[in-house]
């Protein structure tokens, strides 16, 4: 055999032996590590659980005493149905106002001016890879309102 092969085999054997020694020492010592941890954690867990349980029960009792009369107070504070009908009528009026395409705006000279509400705030002109090119033309009458976003 060549001296290079002998050195290589000796190296593999020594590395394997060192790894085996470290592994067996680790296995031998692992029981001691877990026993010490179990003893320390067991007492603390018992104390923490009892303390947690006592604090939790105390908190639940305090919350129950605070919220015992809440339902009775809220039942008295509810107002009659008149407010809901007024609210619904206001919603209907606001919806009718927004549904129309034009709104009368009173200028400073008290002359009504029609303002178009159908103008978009901006138009997306960002190029895309898979879609057709977008039309980036501002609708007529929206020149001062609509902006183009690139």
Foldseek 3Di string as FASTA:
>chain_A
DDPVVVVVVVVVVVVVVVVVVVVVVCVVCVVVVVVVVCVVVVVVVVVVVVVVVVVVVVVVVVVCVVCVCVVVVVVVPDDDPPVVVVVVVVVVVVCVQVPDQWDWDQDPVRDTDTQGPPFDQEDEQDDDDPDDGDDHDGDPPCVPRYYYDD
